[in-house]
Amino acid sequence: MAASEPDPLMTFVQGDGTVGGKVGTSLSIVVYVRDRFRNACPYSVLSQIQLGVRWPSGDGPSPEVKTTLDGRFFASYLAQEEGQAELSVVLSGYHVKGSPFSVIVVSSIGQYPVASKSFITNQSSSDIFAGENSYVIIQAVDVNGLYLKEGGSIAAANLNNQNNIQALSAIDRLDGTYAILLNVTSAGAYNFAVMILGSPLSGSPFSLTVLPAGLSTEHCLPSGAGLTISTAGSVGTFDIQAM
């Protein structure tokens, strides 16, 4: 089923290009084009996206938009001068959610993350399936709300289900982001607390629902007399415990 017309109010943008960074560096954005039902729109809407950056000295070059086949559109631009700039993301003639974005360009980014400003980048759903690997990505942010570009901090998480707490460590990706692997084998409702430098992220703990995994024929258990013996002309029966 194809998506309907793109909706600027349902479309959202992520990336350091929406907040700013260090002068002379490349800032990136990802535009997630959605219809009014939040379905991803195809690459054919590329021509309906217009980007613009206004610097203190005037309008800069319009960033070039590139696309994938899953409703994500990528662009980048150079942080060409210090100060406050403005990024506009327009879809079908209308600003998308959050646009225009206030962008701050500074001479240097802070060294240490602020937990209350740092966030999870890929929390599109609070549901995962039991037994499947799922990664949570933390973006470390400095006191000015700018994305850190280097690692070196400590991030961690706790998974809590009826007071059964499991500590999870994070992988430092050395680019200002940290990855936490989730592989939960028991279905149920969990609290998921995420911390950086020992302090909780804004909104933490998060709610996480682990859904039952699909049936596995390898683990289903048959039982009953019909498996081993039966009388000719009669009905033999046995049970299967789905697992």
Protein backbone atom coordinates (compact mmCIF):
# COMPACT_ATOMS: atom_id res chain seq x y z
CA MET A 1 0.00 0.00 0.00
CA ALA A 2 1.47 3.34 -1.04
CA ALA A 3 1.70 6.36 1.25
CA SER A 4 -0.67 9.26 0.71
CA GLU A 5 0.39 12.86 0.08
CA PRO A 6 3.32 14.10 2.22
CA ASP A 7 2.28 16.08 5.28
CA PRO A 8 4.64 18.84 6.55
CA LEU A 9 3.16 18.60 10.06
CA MET A 10 4.00 14.88 10.29
CA THR A 11 7.42 15.25 8.66
CA PHE A 12 10.34 15.68 11.05
CA VAL A 13 14.05 16.48 10.87
CA GLN A 14 17.04 15.18 12.86
CA GLY A 15 20.76 15.87 12.86
CA ASP A 16 23.30 18.38 14.10
CA GLY A 17 22.32 20.67 11.25
CA THR A 18 19.16 21.54 13.19
CA VAL A 19 21.09 22.85 16.21
CA GLY A 20 24.55 23.93 15.02
CA GLY A 21 28.17 23.07 15.65
CA LYS A 22 31.75 24.18 15.20
CA VAL A 23 32.59 26.75 12.56
CA GLY A 24 34.22 25.25 9.46
CA THR A 25 32.65 21.81 9.91
CA SER A 26 29.94 20.05 7.93
CA LEU A 27 26.51 19.89 9.56
CA SER A 28 24.06 17.18 8.51
CA ILE A 29 20.32 16.71 8.57
CA VAL A 30 17.95 13.85 7.83
CA VAL A 31 14.40 14.68 6.73
CA TYR A 32 11.85 11.94 7.45
CA VAL A 33 8.97 12.64 5.07
CA ARG A 34 5.65 11.25 6.33
CA ASP A 35 2.03 11.36 5.20
CA ARG A 36 -0.80 12.25 7.59
CA PHE A 37 -0.88 8.63 8.80
CA ARG A 38 2.88 8.74 9.57
CA ASN A 39 3.72 6.43 6.66
CA ALA A 40 7.11 6.97 5.00
CA CYS A 41 6.80 8.71 1.63
CA PRO A 42 8.81 7.55 -1.40
CA TYR A 43 11.81 9.22 -3.01
CA SER A 44 9.54 10.80 -5.65
CA VAL A 45 8.76 13.67 -3.22
CA LEU A 46 12.38 14.85 -3.44
CA SER A 47 11.43 17.78 -5.68
CA GLN A 48 8.98 19.03 -3.02
CA ILE A 49 11.71 19.59 -0.40
CA GLN A 50 13.44 22.97 -0.23
CA LEU A 51 16.22 23.82 2.21
CA GLY A 52 17.68 27.21 3.02
CA VAL A 53 20.26 28.58 5.46
CA ARG A 54 20.38 32.23 6.50
CA TRP A 55 23.61 33.41 8.13
CA PRO A 56 24.21 36.69 9.98
CA SER A 57 25.76 38.03 6.77
CA GLY A 58 22.90 36.84 4.54
CA ASP A 59 21.56 33.79 2.72
CA GLY A 60 23.98 30.93 2.10
CA PRO A 61 23.97 28.25 -0.61
CA SER A 62 20.96 25.92 -0.51
CA PRO A 63 21.98 22.44 0.73
CA GLU A 64 21.60 19.66 -1.83
CA VAL A 65 19.12 16.97 -0.83
CA LYS A 66 19.84 13.30 -1.49
CA THR A 67 17.43 10.46 -0.96
CA THR A 68 17.01 6.81 -0.04
CA LEU A 69 14.11 4.51 -0.85
CA ASP A 70 12.67 4.47 2.68
CA GLY A 71 11.45 8.02 3.19
CA ARG A 72 14.74 9.49 4.46
CA PHE A 73 16.30 12.48 2.74
CA PHE A 74 19.86 13.57 3.54
CA ALA A 75 21.54 16.95 3.24
CA SER A 76 24.57 18.76 4.65
CA TYR A 77 25.94 22.28 4.69
CA LEU A 78 29.09 24.05 5.85
CA ALA A 79 29.02 26.01 9.12
CA GLN A 80 30.56 28.97 7.34
CA GLU A 81 30.50 31.64 10.04
CA GLU A 82 30.09 32.01 13.79
CA GLY A 83 26.88 33.29 15.28
CA GLN A 84 23.21 32.41 15.06
CA ALA A 85 21.83 31.16 11.77
CA GLU A 86 18.46 29.85 10.62
CA LEU A 87 17.74 26.59 8.79
CA SER A 88 14.47 26.34 6.87
CA VAL A 89 13.04 23.00 5.76
CA VAL A 90 10.01 23.42 3.51
CA LEU A 91 7.85 20.63 2.10
CA SER A 92 5.24 21.32 -0.57
CA GLY A 93 5.49 25.03 0.20
CA TYR A 94 5.05 24.69 3.98
CA HIS A 95 7.54 24.53 6.84
CA VAL A 96 7.90 21.08 8.39
CA LYS A 97 7.57 20.53 12.13
CA GLY A 98 10.14 22.65 13.99
CA SER A 99 11.18 24.73 10.98
CA PRO A 100 12.74 27.24 10.83
CA PHE A 101 15.43 25.89 13.17
CA SER A 102 17.68 28.19 15.18
CA VAL A 103 21.30 27.16 14.52
CA ILE A 104 24.26 28.22 16.65
CA VAL A 105 27.80 28.10 15.25
CA VAL A 106 30.67 28.46 17.73
CA SER A 107 34.46 28.36 17.68
CA SER A 108 34.58 25.21 19.83
CA ILE A 109 32.17 22.61 21.20
CA GLY A 110 32.12 21.68 24.89
CA GLN A 111 34.14 18.66 26.01
CA TYR A 112 31.59 17.12 28.36
CA PRO A 113 28.04 15.93 27.73
CA VAL A 114 25.04 17.24 29.64
CA ALA A 115 22.69 14.34 30.37
CA SER A 116 19.55 16.48 30.50
CA LYS A 117 20.23 17.68 26.93
CA SER A 118 21.51 14.37 25.51
CA PHE A 119 18.95 12.08 23.92
CA ILE A 120 18.14 8.79 22.21
CA THR A 121 18.27 9.22 18.43
CA ASN A 122 16.41 6.13 17.26
CA GLN A 123 13.53 5.69 19.70
CA SER A 124 10.89 5.45 16.99
CA SER A 125 9.06 2.69 18.86
CA SER A 126 8.88 1.54 22.47
CA ASP A 127 8.22 -2.07 21.40
CA ILE A 128 10.78 -4.78 20.65
CA PHE A 129 10.51 -8.54 20.18
CA ALA A 130 11.90 -11.07 22.65
CA GLY A 131 15.19 -12.61 21.58
CA GLU A 132 15.94 -10.05 18.87
CA ASN A 133 18.91 -7.69 18.95
CA SER A 134 17.94 -4.04 19.14
CA TYR A 135 20.32 -1.11 19.53
CA VAL A 136 19.57 2.14 21.33
CA ILE A 137 21.78 5.04 20.20
CA ILE A 138 22.55 7.92 22.58
CA GLN A 139 23.64 11.28 21.18
CA ALA A 140 25.79 13.21 23.67
CA VAL A 141 25.11 16.95 23.71
CA ASP A 142 27.02 19.82 25.34
CA VAL A 143 25.68 22.62 27.52
CA ASN A 144 24.70 24.68 24.45
CA GLY A 145 22.73 21.82 22.91
CA LEU A 146 25.42 21.07 20.31
CA TYR A 147 26.26 17.50 19.34
CA LEU A 148 29.58 16.20 20.65
CA LYS A 149 31.78 14.70 17.94
CA GLU A 150 34.17 12.70 20.12
CA GLY A 151 33.77 9.88 22.62
CA GLY A 152 35.34 9.33 26.00
CA SER A 153 32.31 9.61 28.27
CA ILE A 154 30.58 6.78 30.12
CA ALA A 155 27.02 5.82 29.18
CA ALA A 156 25.01 2.99 30.69
CA ALA A 157 21.47 1.75 31.21
CA ASN A 158 19.34 -0.33 33.57
CA LEU A 159 16.47 -2.57 32.49
CA ASN A 160 13.90 -3.11 35.24
CA ASN A 161 11.09 -5.67 35.20
CA GLN A 162 9.25 -6.17 38.52
CA ASN A 163 12.35 -5.14 40.49
CA ASN A 164 14.57 -7.53 38.51
CA ILE A 165 17.26 -5.06 37.41
CA GLN A 166 19.72 -5.81 34.62
CA ALA A 167 22.68 -3.47 34.13
CA LEU A 168 23.64 -2.72 30.52
CA SER A 169 26.86 -1.14 29.31
CA ALA A 170 27.24 1.10 26.27
CA ILE A 171 29.64 0.91 23.35
CA ASP A 172 31.54 4.15 22.78
CA ARG A 173 31.37 4.80 19.02
CA LEU A 174 34.02 7.55 19.37
CA ASP A 175 31.87 10.08 17.49
CA GLY A 176 29.77 11.45 20.34
CA THR A 177 27.28 8.60 20.20
CA TYR A 178 26.94 5.50 22.37
CA ALA A 179 25.20 2.22 21.49
CA ILE A 180 23.37 0.00 23.99
CA LEU A 181 22.46 -3.53 22.91
CA LEU A 182 19.07 -4.86 24.00
CA ASN A 183 18.37 -8.59 23.78
CA VAL A 184 15.57 -9.46 26.18
CA THR A 185 14.26 -13.03 26.19
CA SER A 186 11.22 -12.56 28.47
CA ALA A 187 8.16 -10.73 27.20
CA GLY A 188 6.63 -8.07 29.41
CA ALA A 189 6.67 -4.41 30.43
CA TYR A 190 10.00 -2.86 31.42
CA ASN A 191 11.41 0.43 32.63
CA PHE A 192 14.52 1.43 30.69
CA ALA A 193 16.75 3.95 32.49
CA VAL A 194 19.53 5.55 30.42
CA MET A 195 22.39 7.55 31.93
CA ILE A 196 25.47 9.41 30.79
CA LEU A 197 28.20 10.29 33.28
CA GLY A 198 25.91 8.84 35.95
CA SER A 199 23.02 11.26 35.32
CA PRO A 200 19.73 10.31 33.64
CA LEU A 201 18.79 11.50 30.17
CA SER A 202 15.75 13.75 29.92
CA GLY A 203 12.63 11.56 30.05
CA SER A 204 14.46 8.60 31.59
CA PRO A 205 13.32 6.03 32.62
CA PHE A 206 11.51 5.16 29.41
CA SER A 207 8.76 2.56 29.01
CA LEU A 208 9.70 -0.50 26.99
CA THR A 209 7.41 -3.34 25.93
CA VAL A 210 8.97 -6.66 24.96
CA LEU A 211 6.58 -8.58 22.71
CA PRO A 212 6.54 -12.39 22.46
CA ALA A 213 8.75 -13.77 19.71
CA GLY A 214 7.31 -15.71 16.78
CA LEU A 215 6.72 -19.45 17.07
CA SER A 216 9.77 -21.69 16.73
CA THR A 217 9.13 -25.18 15.36
CA GLU A 218 12.46 -26.22 16.83
CA HIS A 219 11.27 -25.48 20.37
CA CYS A 220 7.59 -26.53 20.19
CA LEU A 221 6.87 -29.59 22.36
CA PRO A 222 4.55 -32.40 21.15
CA SER A 223 3.08 -34.81 23.72
CA GLY A 224 0.42 -37.51 23.95
CA ALA A 225 -0.20 -41.18 23.23
CA GLY A 226 -0.87 -40.53 19.55
CA LEU A 227 2.82 -39.88 19.03
CA THR A 228 3.82 -43.47 19.83
CA ILE A 229 0.82 -45.79 19.48
CA SER A 230 -2.59 -45.83 17.84
CA THR A 231 -5.24 -48.39 16.82
CA ALA A 232 -6.11 -48.96 13.17
CA GLY A 233 -9.40 -47.30 12.29
CA SER A 234 -9.44 -45.06 15.36
CA VAL A 235 -8.39 -41.46 15.84
CA GLY A 236 -5.03 -40.92 17.48
CA THR A 237 -4.47 -37.62 19.25
CA PHE A 238 -1.55 -35.63 20.59
CA ASP A 239 -0.92 -32.08 21.80
CA ILE A 240 1.61 -29.45 20.74
CA GLN A 241 2.86 -26.87 23.22
CA ALA A 242 3.69 -23.80 21.16
CA MET A 243 6.97 -22.16 22.14
